[in-house]
C-alpha atoms as a PDB file:
ATOM      1  CA  UNK A   1     122.679  89.970  51.511  1.00  0.00           C
ATOM      2  CA  UNK A   2     124.962  87.610  54.227  1.00  0.00           C
ATOM      3  CA  UNK A   3     126.298  85.160  51.892  1.00  0.00           C
ATOM      4  CA  UNK A   4     129.620  86.599  50.888  1.00  0.00           C
ATOM      5  CA  UNK A   5     130.416  87.268  54.917  1.00  0.00           C
ATOM      6  CA  UNK A   6     128.459  84.467  56.676  1.00  0.00           C
ATOM      7  CA  UNK A   7     130.281  82.804  59.679  1.00  0.00           C
ATOM      8  CA  UNK A   8     128.752  80.036  62.053  1.00  0.00           C
ATOM      9  CA  UNK A   9     127.388  81.678  64.904  1.00  0.00           C
ATOM     10  CA  UNK A  10     125.433  80.858  68.116  1.00  0.00           C
ATOM     11  CA  UNK A  11     123.957  84.205  68.502  1.00  0.00           C
ATOM     12  CA  UNK A  12     121.277  84.150  65.922  1.00  0.00           C
ATOM     13  CA  UNK A  13     120.281  87.603  66.763  1.00  0.00           C
ATOM     14  CA  UNK A  14     123.473  88.949  66.480  1.00  0.00           C
ATOM     15  CA  UNK A  15     123.049  87.641  62.644  1.00  0.00           C
ATOM     16  CA  UNK A  16     119.675  88.797  62.235  1.00  0.00           C
ATOM     17  CA  UNK A  17     120.623  92.348  63.495  1.00  0.00           C
ATOM     18  CA  UNK A  18     124.059  92.368  61.146  1.00  0.00           C
ATOM     19  CA  UNK A  19     121.843  91.248  58.218  1.00  0.00           C
ATOM     20  CA  UNK A  20     118.808  93.690  58.727  1.00  0.00           C
ATOM     21  CA  UNK A  21     121.482  96.654  59.143  1.00  0.00           C
ATOM     22  CA  UNK A  22     123.292  95.602  55.854  1.00  0.00           C
ATOM     23  CA  UNK A  23     119.963  95.827  54.218  1.00  0.00           C
ATOM     24  CA  UNK A  24     119.269  99.104  55.394  1.00  0.00           C
ATOM     25  CA  UNK A  25     122.724 100.658  54.423  1.00  0.00           C
ATOM     26  CA  UNK A  26     121.410  99.218  51.205  1.00  0.00           C
ATOM     27  CA  UNK A  27     118.223 101.042  51.335  1.00  0.00           C
ATOM     28  CA  UNK A  28     119.813 104.091  51.987  1.00  0.00           C
ATOM     29  CA  UNK A  29     122.186 103.592  48.919  1.00  0.00           C
ATOM     30  CA  UNK A  30     118.781 103.511  46.804  1.00  0.00           C
ATOM     31  CA  UNK A  31     116.866 106.434  48.683  1.00  0.00           C
ATOM     32  CA  UNK A  32     119.977 108.711  48.105  1.00  0.00           C
ATOM     33  CA  UNK A  33     120.278 107.463  44.550  1.00  0.00           C
ATOM     34  CA  UNK A  34     123.874 106.754  45.312  1.00  0.00           C
ATOM     35  CA  UNK A  35     123.988 103.145  43.978  1.00  0.00           C
ATOM     36  CA  UNK A  36     125.644 102.650  41.105  1.00  0.00           C
ATOM     37  CA  UNK A  37     124.092 101.011  38.180  1.00  0.00           C
ATOM     38  CA  UNK A  38     124.821  97.473  36.906  1.00  0.00           C
ATOM     39  CA  UNK A  39     126.601  97.299  33.879  1.00  0.00           C
ATOM     40  CA  UNK A  40     126.033  94.710  31.064  1.00  0.00           C
ATOM     41  CA  UNK A  41     129.649  93.473  29.725  1.00  0.00           C
ATOM     42  CA  UNK A  42     131.079  96.249  32.047  1.00  0.00           C
ATOM     43  CA  UNK A  43     129.798  98.708  29.575  1.00  0.00           C
ATOM     44  CA  UNK A  44     126.250  99.044  28.898  1.00  0.00           C
ATOM     45  CA  UNK A  45     124.447 100.584  32.275  1.00  0.00           C
ATOM     46  CA  UNK A  46     120.850  99.053  33.270  1.00  0.00           C
ATOM     47  CA  UNK A  47     117.843 101.464  34.356  1.00  0.00           C
ATOM     48  CA  UNK A  48     117.663 100.943  38.336  1.00  0.00           C
ATOM     49  CA  UNK A  49     114.828 102.716  38.899  1.00  0.00           C
ATOM     50  CA  UNK A  50     112.631  99.598  39.852  1.00  0.00           C
ATOM     51  CA  UNK A  51     115.161  99.498  42.683  1.00  0.00           C
ATOM     52  CA  UNK A  52     113.204 102.016  44.646  1.00  0.00           C
ATOM     53  CA  UNK A  53     110.175  99.584  44.696  1.00  0.00           C
ATOM     54  CA  UNK A  54     112.530  96.975  46.417  1.00  0.00           C
ATOM     55  CA  UNK A  55     111.312  98.341  49.878  1.00  0.00           C
ATOM     56  CA  UNK A  56     108.143 100.192  51.287  1.00  0.00           C
ATOM     57  CA  UNK A  57     105.942  98.614  48.530  1.00  0.00           C
ATOM     58  CA  UNK A  58     102.906  96.072  48.805  1.00  0.00           C
ATOM     59  CA  UNK A  59     100.631  94.584  46.685  1.00  0.00           C
ATOM     60  CA  UNK A  60      96.772  94.823  47.858  1.00  0.00           C
ATOM     61  CA  UNK A  61      94.726  91.984  46.010  1.00  0.00           C
ATOM     62  CA  UNK A  62      91.678  93.013  44.213  1.00  0.00           C
ATOM     63  CA  UNK A  63      88.982  90.644  42.908  1.00  0.00           C
ATOM     64  CA  UNK A  64      90.012  91.527  39.045  1.00  0.00           C
ATOM     65  CA  UNK A  65      93.221  93.065  39.432  1.00  0.00           C
ATOM     66  CA  UNK A  66      95.875  93.526  42.228  1.00  0.00           C
ATOM     67  CA  UNK A  67      96.889  97.048  43.299  1.00  0.00           C
ATOM     68  CA  UNK A  68     100.391  98.097  43.813  1.00  0.00           C
ATOM     69  CA  UNK A  69     101.330 100.775  46.745  1.00  0.00           C
ATOM     70  CA  UNK A  70     104.742 102.300  47.119  1.00  0.00           C
ATOM     71  CA  UNK A  71     105.189 104.485  50.241  1.00  0.00           C
ATOM     72  CA  UNK A  72     107.364 107.650  50.600  1.00  0.00           C
ATOM     73  CA  UNK A  73     110.703 105.305  51.403  1.00  0.00           C
ATOM     74  CA  UNK A  74     111.954 108.372  53.598  1.00  0.00           C
ATOM     75  CA  UNK A  75     109.116 108.158  55.922  1.00  0.00           C
ATOM     76  CA  UNK A  76     110.033 104.640  56.521  1.00  0.00           C
ATOM     77  CA  UNK A  77     111.621 104.118  59.973  1.00  0.00           C
ATOM     78  CA  UNK A  78     110.584 100.730  60.701  1.00  0.00           C
ATOM     79  CA  UNK A  79     111.205  97.046  60.130  1.00  0.00           C
ATOM     80  CA  UNK A  80     108.833  93.883  60.525  1.00  0.00           C
ATOM     81  CA  UNK A  81     110.183  91.070  62.533  1.00  0.00           C
ATOM     82  CA  UNK A  82     108.475  87.789  62.563  1.00  0.00           C
ATOM     83  CA  UNK A  83     109.452  85.386  65.265  1.00  0.00           C
ATOM     84  CA  UNK A  84     107.350  82.155  66.096  1.00  0.00           C
ATOM     85  CA  UNK A  85     104.068  83.558  64.252  1.00  0.00           C
ATOM     86  CA  UNK A  86     104.374  86.672  66.130  1.00  0.00           C
ATOM     87  CA  UNK A  87     104.942  90.183  64.091  1.00  0.00           C
ATOM     88  CA  UNK A  88     106.696  93.140  65.590  1.00  0.00           C
ATOM     89  CA  UNK A  89     107.305  96.349  64.690  1.00  0.00           C
ATOM     90  CA  UNK A  90     111.138  97.463  65.300  1.00  0.00           C
ATOM     91  CA  UNK A  91     111.754 101.097  64.921  1.00  0.00           C
ATOM     92  CA  UNK A  92     115.673 101.031  63.141  1.00  0.00           C
ATOM     93  CA  UNK A  93     116.184 105.125  63.725  1.00  0.00           C
ATOM     94  CA  UNK A  94     116.583 107.267  66.598  1.00  0.00           C
ATOM     95  CA  UNK A  95     114.620 110.391  68.000  1.00  0.00           C
ATOM     96  CA  UNK A  96     117.673 112.247  65.639  1.00  0.00           C
ATOM     97  CA  UNK A  97     116.767 109.950  62.587  1.00  0.00           C
ATOM     98  CA  UNK A  98     119.984 108.147  62.908  1.00  0.00           C
ATOM     99  CA  UNK A  99     120.189 104.349  62.121  1.00  0.00           C
ATOM    100  CA  UNK A 100     120.619 102.269  65.296  1.00  0.00           C
ATOM    101  CA  UNK A 101     123.813 100.247  65.526  1.00  0.00           C
ATOM    102  CA  UNK A 102     123.341  96.952  64.881  1.00  0.00           C
ATOM    103  CA  UNK A 103     124.145  95.860  68.685  1.00  0.00           C
ATOM    104  CA  UNK A 104     121.238  97.967  69.424  1.00  0.00           C
ATOM    105  CA  UNK A 105     119.466  96.012  67.008  1.00  0.00           C
ATOM    106  CA  UNK A 106     120.658  92.832  68.396  1.00  0.00           C
ATOM    107  CA  UNK A 107     119.356  93.518  71.736  1.00  0.00           C
ATOM    108  CA  UNK A 108     115.884  94.256  70.545  1.00  0.00           C
ATOM    109  CA  UNK A 109     115.881  91.084  68.668  1.00  0.00           C
ATOM    110  CA  UNK A 110     116.911  89.177  71.614  1.00  0.00           C
ATOM    111  CA  UNK A 111     114.128  91.046  73.229  1.00  0.00           C
ATOM    112  CA  UNK A 112     111.695  89.705  70.400  1.00  0.00           C
ATOM    113  CA  UNK A 113     112.956  86.062  70.796  1.00  0.00           C
ATOM    114  CA  UNK A 114     112.333  85.945  74.638  1.00  0.00           C
ATOM    115  CA  UNK A 115     108.990  87.579  73.999  1.00  0.00           C
ATOM    116  CA  UNK A 116     107.529  85.312  71.304  1.00  0.00           C
ATOM    117  CA  UNK A 117     108.994  82.260  73.003  1.00  0.00           C
ATOM    118  CA  UNK A 118     106.739  83.184  76.201  1.00  0.00           C
ATOM    119  CA  UNK A 119     103.852  84.058  73.679  1.00  0.00           C
ATOM    120  CA  UNK A 120     104.250  80.737  71.444  1.00  0.00           C
ATOM    121  CA  UNK A 121     102.061  78.890  73.931  1.00  0.00           C
ATOM    122  CA  UNK A 122      99.082  81.300  74.043  1.00  0.00           C
ATOM    123  CA  UNK A 123      98.660  81.755  70.213  1.00  0.00           C
ATOM    124  CA  UNK A 124      96.076  79.943  68.810  1.00  0.00           C
ATOM    125  CA  UNK A 125      96.668  77.914  65.398  1.00  0.00           C
ATOM    126  CA  UNK A 126      94.888  80.719  63.265  1.00  0.00           C
ATOM    127  CA  UNK A 127      97.065  83.304  64.939  1.00  0.00           C
ATOM    128  CA  UNK A 128     100.200  81.513  64.118  1.00  0.00           C
ATOM    129  CA  UNK A 129      99.131  80.917  60.601  1.00  0.00           C
ATOM    130  CA  UNK A 130      98.264  84.279  59.364  1.00  0.00           C
ATOM    131  CA  UNK A 131     101.038  84.311  56.713  1.00  0.00           C
ATOM    132  CA  UNK A 132      99.170  81.579  55.044  1.00  0.00           C
ATOM    133  CA  UNK A 133      96.424  83.549  54.216  1.00  0.00           C
ATOM    134  CA  UNK A 134      98.339  84.899  51.395  1.00  0.00           C
ATOM    135  CA  UNK A 135      98.644  81.370  49.599  1.00  0.00           C
ATOM    136  CA  UNK A 136      94.701  81.140  48.984  1.00  0.00           C
ATOM    137  CA  UNK A 137      93.391  82.481  45.527  1.00  0.00           C
ATOM    138  CA  UNK A 138      93.978  86.010  44.833  1.00  0.00           C
ATOM    139  CA  UNK A 139      90.395  86.995  44.147  1.00  0.00           C
ATOM    140  CA  UNK A 140      89.281  85.160  47.329  1.00  0.00           C
ATOM    141  CA  UNK A 141      91.908  86.710  49.284  1.00  0.00           C
ATOM    142  CA  UNK A 142      90.564  90.209  48.088  1.00  0.00           C
ATOM    143  CA  UNK A 143      87.505  89.523  49.361  1.00  0.00           C
END
């Protein structure tokens, strides 16, 4: 999402906040059904209904078949940030349901980086590797 506007920076929190802000703007276009359809050869519109499943959707592993769960996207008020193996829930809307500014999000991410750095030494190898669980066989992961 940011490759077109990428600039070198010594502030990774600012880049992460900018990227998240742009993704949230894209999500809002999808939620409001304001995203213009993709066109083949600039004439034939492509069905955009699958775009609503880009966000707030998860796949629950099953022994025989996985289950796709889609949550109401209008209730989604947070993102998840993973830093140094630690997962953080970050609210991206204020009490008036307005999206927070990129600068406010940057401050939250800076705090996360500091907190994760402090906790990095106290995490066990198992805690640092939670995401690796999804790499095992689906039926084993389901159990």
